[in-house]
Each structure stands twice: as C-alpha cells, then as structure tokens.
C-alpha cells in the first residue's frame, strides 16, 4: 500500500486568501489585472439556517444504507459525475462546477465508462443518495469505478443543490467493504480533505483540490473550469497522461504554481492505495 501523497502550497496571499466572503472575489489591483480580471474564488458556503435545521439537512454515517451488489456481469466501467453551479437561491451560486462535471463525463465516456451525471438542480440530496447507492452496488470485484464532484465543500461535506450537507462519513460508509479494487474519486471543492480519509482503502486513488481548511478556486474565463479540474483535464488532453496518479500529481503541481502567481493559498493532494498505476 502506498503512502499518502500530499502536495500542498505554503504560499503567502497578499490580496486574496481562502474562499472567504470577507475577501474580494475578483482581482482589484493592477498586478492582479494581469491574470485577465476574471479569477474567482469559490466563496464559502453561506448557511444562515439555525444549527438545528442544518443538522436536519445533514447526511451522516447514521444514514448509510446497504445496497445489494449488482447481478450484472463483472468487467464493466461505471462512473458518477456531479457538478453544481446553480444552488437553491442565489447566495451560493458558483461558476464552473457544471463545466467541470461535463468535462469529466466526456472524458470518462471516451474511456468506455457508463456515466451517470447530476448537474445543478438535478443534484438534490435524494438524487445523490440514489446515484451513490447505485454506484456502490456496481462496485463489485472486476468492475472499474470512477466518481467526480465539483461544487461547494464545507467542513468535510459536499453540498447538494437543495443545501444538504453530504458528509464524508456518509459517503465513505457507502463504499466501505465494496468489492471493486479499481476506483478513482475526484473532488474539486473547498475544505474537502476529509473525503481522502473517509474513502481511504485498498485499490483507490482519491484526488482532492483542498485539505480540511483551505479552499478551491475557479479559474479564468479562458480556463472555464475549476482550477484543479482544469489541470486534470489538461494533463489528460495535452500532457497525454494515462494514469490517475500521474495526472493528479500534475494537477497538484500546476495548481500550486497557479496559486503562487495569483497569491492565494492552496493544498491539493491525492491519496494512492492502488497497486501499480490506475488507468481510467
């Protein structure tokens, strides 16, 4: 089993840092304008609901449910891709998360995967539970599994379009003990690092745009992606990477270089417990 491979940026942020709503969301100085004036940070998830309501809108380990392994023949390739830019209301809307998901869908379909896609308002908590349950049921020995999420992350949770907290403990629990030994998970969201721990098991590569504290970012209009996803796609399309480990290492390295150029702090990483190199 390979060790955790962690690549993090220890970069000073003079004008922007984190994803905080207390900081500007676009460059405001002459120097920042050099990056074309269209860099957006993914703002913190805003939740003004009482704590008791937030707890009611949280999927935890107690909500994990058992799924029967599919009766389909092993040897298939199955994926679930989720991208949410349009959240309930307007305060939490993002920019390129749906584009990230579409790019992942197109890439995975090109690699022979049968892909289920949930975009924007379709990615409700109920829909996510159903789709994750279905992917878990397909995660039998001999099947290859991929997952990608781009959207809000907050304190170790994904956020559904209808503003449920989808916890790492719930998500990890859904894939605990499944039979597949070839699984790739990708998360482009803020404060998402807990998923690397929750999913850490043999036969998996888990790519994370942030750790438990730091944030992910949308790129320029020319990128039209979250920064982490942009470099993952660039690794596949222009660098010719075949293996997840090579592509994830490239995306982490390039995100750190990008962050240095725009003076923000990032902490991308990937966890690799797959024996050999995982090709999609």
Protein backbone atom coordinates (compact mmCIF):
# COMPACT_ATOMS: atom_id res chain seq x y z
CA UNK A 1 0.00 0.00 0.00
CA UNK A 2 1.36 3.34 -0.95
CA UNK A 3 1.62 6.20 1.48
CA UNK A 4 -0.47 9.28 1.33
CA UNK A 5 0.94 11.57 -1.32
CA UNK A 6 0.35 15.12 -0.22
CA UNK A 7 1.25 18.15 -2.23
CA UNK A 8 0.36 21.45 -0.60
CA UNK A 9 1.04 25.06 -1.28
CA UNK A 10 2.59 27.15 1.52
CA UNK A 11 2.05 30.43 -0.26
CA UNK A 12 1.59 33.98 1.08
CA UNK A 13 -1.62 35.67 -0.06
CA UNK A 14 -1.26 39.43 -0.24
CA UNK A 15 -4.58 40.26 -1.81
CA UNK A 16 -6.73 37.13 -1.75
CA UNK A 17 -6.70 34.19 0.60
CA UNK A 18 -9.02 31.32 1.32
CA UNK A 19 -12.50 31.38 -0.10
CA UNK A 20 -13.83 33.75 2.50
CA UNK A 21 -16.69 36.10 1.79
CA UNK A 22 -14.63 38.68 3.71
CA UNK A 23 -12.17 38.85 0.79
CA UNK A 24 -12.67 40.17 -2.75
CA UNK A 25 -13.84 37.63 -5.28
CA UNK A 26 -12.08 39.18 -8.27
CA UNK A 27 -8.68 40.83 -8.65
CA UNK A 28 -8.77 44.53 -7.86
CA UNK A 29 -5.19 45.72 -8.33
CA UNK A 30 -3.17 46.49 -11.43
CA UNK A 31 -0.97 43.46 -10.82
CA UNK A 32 -3.97 41.19 -10.44
CA UNK A 33 -5.38 42.50 -13.71
CA UNK A 34 -2.52 40.73 -15.46
CA UNK A 35 -4.41 37.48 -14.98
CA UNK A 36 -7.26 38.93 -17.09
CA UNK A 37 -9.50 40.13 -14.28
CA UNK A 38 -11.70 37.05 -14.24
CA UNK A 39 -10.29 34.86 -11.48
CA UNK A 40 -12.97 33.99 -8.97
CA UNK A 41 -12.58 32.25 -5.70
CA UNK A 42 -15.28 29.77 -4.84
CA UNK A 43 -16.99 31.61 -1.99
CA UNK A 44 -17.65 29.95 1.31
CA UNK A 45 -20.94 28.15 1.53
CA UNK A 46 -23.38 30.54 3.20
CA UNK A 47 -25.85 28.92 5.58
CA UNK A 48 -27.93 31.21 7.76
CA UNK A 49 -30.25 28.45 8.91
CA UNK A 50 -30.37 27.62 12.63
CA UNK A 51 -27.96 24.90 13.70
CA UNK A 52 -30.83 22.53 14.43
CA UNK A 53 -32.06 22.92 10.84
CA UNK A 54 -28.55 22.41 9.47
CA UNK A 55 -28.32 19.17 11.42
CA UNK A 56 -31.63 18.03 9.92
CA UNK A 57 -30.15 18.74 6.49
CA UNK A 58 -27.08 16.57 7.02
CA UNK A 59 -26.38 13.05 5.79
CA UNK A 60 -24.20 11.34 8.38
CA UNK A 61 -22.82 7.86 8.96
CA UNK A 62 -26.19 7.02 10.53
CA UNK A 63 -27.79 7.49 7.11
CA UNK A 64 -25.61 4.92 5.33
CA UNK A 65 -27.77 2.22 3.78
CA UNK A 66 -26.93 -1.22 2.48
CA UNK A 67 -27.13 -1.95 -1.22
CA UNK A 68 -27.14 -5.37 -2.82
CA UNK A 69 -24.27 -5.98 -5.25
CA UNK A 70 -25.45 -5.80 -8.82
CA UNK A 71 -26.19 -9.06 -10.55
CA UNK A 72 -24.62 -7.75 -13.75
CA UNK A 73 -21.54 -9.46 -15.10
CA UNK A 74 -18.22 -8.11 -13.81
CA UNK A 75 -15.87 -6.34 -16.18
CA UNK A 76 -17.83 -3.11 -16.60
CA UNK A 77 -16.77 0.51 -16.12
CA UNK A 78 -19.18 2.78 -14.25
CA UNK A 79 -18.99 6.38 -13.14
CA UNK A 80 -20.99 9.05 -11.34
CA UNK A 81 -20.28 12.72 -12.05
CA UNK A 82 -21.82 15.59 -10.07
CA UNK A 83 -21.41 19.30 -10.81
CA UNK A 84 -23.37 22.06 -9.08
CA UNK A 85 -23.08 25.72 -10.02
CA UNK A 86 -26.76 26.61 -9.56
CA UNK A 87 -27.73 26.19 -5.90
CA UNK A 88 -31.11 26.84 -4.27
CA UNK A 89 -31.48 30.62 -4.03
CA UNK A 90 -28.70 32.82 -5.39
CA UNK A 91 -26.27 33.39 -2.49
CA UNK A 92 -24.37 30.14 -3.10
CA UNK A 93 -24.20 30.02 -6.88
CA UNK A 94 -20.83 29.14 -8.40
CA UNK A 95 -19.35 29.49 -11.88
CA UNK A 96 -17.67 26.48 -13.49
CA UNK A 97 -18.69 23.43 -11.47
CA UNK A 98 -21.17 22.19 -14.05
CA UNK A 99 -18.50 22.65 -16.72
CA UNK A 100 -16.13 20.54 -14.61
CA UNK A 101 -18.70 17.76 -14.47
CA UNK A 102 -19.38 17.89 -18.20
CA UNK A 103 -15.67 17.63 -18.92
CA UNK A 104 -15.35 14.64 -16.58
CA UNK A 105 -18.38 13.00 -18.19
CA UNK A 106 -16.96 13.45 -21.68
CA UNK A 107 -13.54 12.17 -20.66
CA UNK A 108 -14.88 9.10 -18.86
CA UNK A 109 -17.27 8.23 -21.67
CA UNK A 110 -14.30 8.38 -24.01
CA UNK A 111 -12.61 5.81 -21.77
CA UNK A 112 -15.54 3.43 -22.04
CA UNK A 113 -17.41 4.26 -18.83
CA UNK A 114 -21.16 4.24 -18.48
CA UNK A 115 -21.64 7.62 -16.79
CA UNK A 116 -24.49 8.91 -14.66
CA UNK A 117 -24.44 12.73 -14.50
CA UNK A 118 -26.17 15.01 -11.99
CA UNK A 119 -25.96 18.71 -12.85
CA UNK A 120 -27.13 21.75 -10.91
CA UNK A 121 -30.73 21.42 -9.66
CA UNK A 122 -30.84 17.73 -10.51
CA UNK A 123 -28.17 17.05 -7.86
CA UNK A 124 -30.52 17.03 -4.88
CA UNK A 125 -29.73 15.11 -1.72
CA UNK A 126 -32.25 12.44 -2.70
CA UNK A 127 -30.79 12.12 -6.20
CA UNK A 128 -27.25 11.95 -4.83
CA UNK A 129 -28.24 9.23 -2.35
CA UNK A 130 -29.86 7.20 -5.09
CA UNK A 131 -27.00 7.62 -7.57
CA UNK A 132 -24.29 6.90 -4.98
CA UNK A 133 -26.21 3.84 -3.85
CA UNK A 134 -26.38 2.63 -7.42
CA UNK A 135 -22.64 3.22 -7.94
CA UNK A 136 -21.89 1.35 -4.72
CA UNK A 137 -23.99 -1.58 -5.93
CA UNK A 138 -21.93 -1.65 -9.13
CA UNK A 139 -18.66 -1.60 -7.18
CA UNK A 140 -18.18 -5.34 -7.36
CA UNK A 141 -14.94 -7.22 -7.93
CA UNK A 142 -13.91 -6.87 -11.57
CA UNK A 143 -15.70 -3.57 -12.20
CA UNK A 144 -13.89 -0.26 -12.57
CA UNK A 145 -15.46 2.69 -10.76
CA UNK A 146 -14.96 6.46 -11.09
CA UNK A 147 -16.52 9.41 -9.31
CA UNK A 148 -16.12 13.17 -9.73
CA UNK A 149 -17.67 16.03 -7.75
CA UNK A 150 -17.37 19.77 -8.30
CA UNK A 151 -19.32 22.21 -6.18
CA UNK A 152 -19.40 23.65 -2.71
CA UNK A 153 -17.47 21.97 0.05
CA UNK A 154 -17.75 22.96 3.68
CA UNK A 155 -16.19 21.44 6.79
CA UNK A 156 -15.79 17.99 5.30
CA UNK A 157 -19.09 17.94 3.44
CA UNK A 158 -20.25 18.12 -0.14
CA UNK A 159 -23.28 20.39 -0.53
CA UNK A 160 -26.26 19.23 -2.57
CA UNK A 161 -28.22 21.59 -4.81
CA UNK A 162 -31.00 21.71 -2.21
CA UNK A 163 -28.49 22.62 0.51
CA UNK A 164 -27.97 19.32 2.30
CA UNK A 165 -24.60 18.56 3.86
CA UNK A 166 -23.39 15.27 2.38
CA UNK A 167 -20.77 14.24 4.89
CA UNK A 168 -17.55 12.37 4.20
CA UNK A 169 -18.61 9.81 6.81
CA UNK A 170 -21.80 9.05 4.87
CA UNK A 171 -20.06 8.94 1.50
CA UNK A 172 -17.19 6.82 2.76
CA UNK A 173 -19.61 4.50 4.51
CA UNK A 174 -21.46 3.86 1.28
CA UNK A 175 -18.27 2.44 -0.26
CA UNK A 176 -16.98 0.60 2.80
CA UNK A 177 -16.43 -3.06 2.06
CA UNK A 178 -17.31 -2.95 -1.66
CA UNK A 179 -15.61 -5.49 -3.89
CA UNK A 180 -14.08 -3.30 -6.60
CA UNK A 181 -10.31 -2.96 -6.37
CA UNK A 182 -10.02 -0.24 -9.02
CA UNK A 183 -11.70 3.01 -8.01
CA UNK A 184 -10.91 6.66 -8.73
CA UNK A 185 -12.50 9.54 -6.80
CA UNK A 186 -12.10 13.23 -7.65
CA UNK A 187 -13.22 16.22 -5.58
CA UNK A 188 -12.93 19.85 -6.69
CA UNK A 189 -14.39 21.71 -3.73
CA UNK A 190 -13.38 23.71 -0.66
CA UNK A 191 -12.48 22.05 2.66
CA UNK A 192 -12.91 18.61 1.11
CA UNK A 193 -9.88 16.81 2.54
CA UNK A 194 -11.87 14.59 4.91
CA UNK A 195 -13.05 12.56 1.93
CA UNK A 196 -9.49 11.38 1.42
CA UNK A 197 -9.57 9.84 4.88
CA UNK A 198 -13.11 8.51 4.71
CA UNK A 199 -12.53 6.72 1.39
CA UNK A 200 -9.00 5.51 2.06
CA UNK A 201 -8.97 1.78 1.33
CA UNK A 202 -7.01 -0.57 -0.89
CA UNK A 203 -7.38 -0.15 -4.64
CA UNK A 204 -8.25 3.54 -4.76
CA UNK A 205 -6.86 6.85 -5.97
CA UNK A 206 -8.52 9.90 -4.39
CA UNK A 207 -7.79 13.37 -5.81
CA UNK A 208 -8.60 16.41 -3.66
CA UNK A 209 -8.48 20.09 -4.59
CA UNK A 210 -8.19 21.14 -0.93
CA UNK A 211 -7.46 19.89 2.56
CA UNK A 212 -9.74 20.27 5.59
CA UNK A 213 -9.16 24.04 5.87
CA UNK A 214 -8.24 25.53 2.54
CA UNK A 215 -10.29 26.33 -0.49
CA UNK A 216 -10.66 25.53 -4.16
CA UNK A 217 -10.87 28.14 -6.89
CA UNK A 218 -12.47 28.84 -10.22
CA UNK A 219 -10.04 29.74 -12.95
CA UNK A 220 -10.08 32.38 -15.64
CA UNK A 221 -12.71 32.64 -18.34
CA UNK A 222 -10.17 31.04 -20.66
CA UNK A 223 -9.93 28.04 -18.33
CA UNK A 224 -13.71 27.74 -17.94
CA UNK A 225 -13.13 25.21 -15.16
CA UNK A 226 -12.28 24.98 -11.53
CA UNK A 227 -8.50 25.35 -11.36
CA UNK A 228 -7.89 21.80 -10.12
CA UNK A 229 -10.20 20.23 -12.71
CA UNK A 230 -8.69 22.42 -15.42
CA UNK A 231 -5.25 20.99 -14.80
CA UNK A 232 -6.59 17.46 -14.51
CA UNK A 233 -8.18 17.82 -17.94
CA UNK A 234 -5.04 19.48 -19.31
CA UNK A 235 -3.00 16.56 -18.05
CA UNK A 236 -5.17 14.14 -19.99
CA UNK A 237 -5.63 16.21 -23.13
CA UNK A 238 -2.29 17.95 -23.62
CA UNK A 239 0.22 16.10 -21.46
CA UNK A 240 -1.04 12.71 -22.55
CA UNK A 241 -1.27 11.22 -19.07
CA UNK A 242 -2.91 7.83 -18.94
CA UNK A 243 -2.63 7.02 -15.25
CA UNK A 244 -4.59 8.77 -12.50
CA UNK A 245 -1.51 9.12 -10.31
CA UNK A 246 0.47 10.97 -12.99
CA UNK A 247 -2.45 13.22 -13.84
CA UNK A 248 -3.24 14.02 -10.21
CA UNK A 249 0.39 14.82 -9.43
CA UNK A 250 0.48 17.17 -12.42
CA UNK A 251 -2.78 18.88 -11.37
CA UNK A 252 -1.49 19.37 -7.82
CA UNK A 253 1.81 20.80 -9.03
CA UNK A 254 0.20 23.14 -11.54
CA UNK A 255 -2.45 24.34 -9.08
CA UNK A 256 0.30 25.27 -6.63
CA UNK A 257 2.17 27.20 -9.34
CA UNK A 258 -1.06 28.93 -10.35
CA UNK A 259 -1.77 29.84 -6.74
CA UNK A 260 1.65 31.38 -6.39
CA UNK A 261 1.05 33.54 -9.45
CA UNK A 262 -2.21 34.95 -8.07
CA UNK A 263 -1.17 34.97 -4.40
CA UNK A 264 -3.57 32.52 -2.81
CA UNK A 265 -3.04 29.51 -0.53
CA UNK A 266 -3.95 26.06 -1.73
CA UNK A 267 -3.49 22.48 -0.55
CA UNK A 268 -4.30 19.98 -3.30
CA UNK A 269 -3.37 16.35 -2.76
CA UNK A 270 -4.09 12.80 -3.75
CA UNK A 271 -4.23 9.51 -1.90
CA UNK A 272 -2.93 6.44 -3.74
CA UNK A 273 -3.58 2.94 -2.44
CA UNK A 274 -3.87 1.28 -5.83
CA UNK A 275 -1.28 -1.38 -6.55
CA UNK A 276 0.51 -0.36 -9.73
CA UNK A 277 -0.80 2.57 -11.80
CA UNK A 278 -4.51 3.21 -12.21
CA UNK A 279 -5.54 3.85 -15.80
CA UNK A 280 -9.06 5.06 -16.45
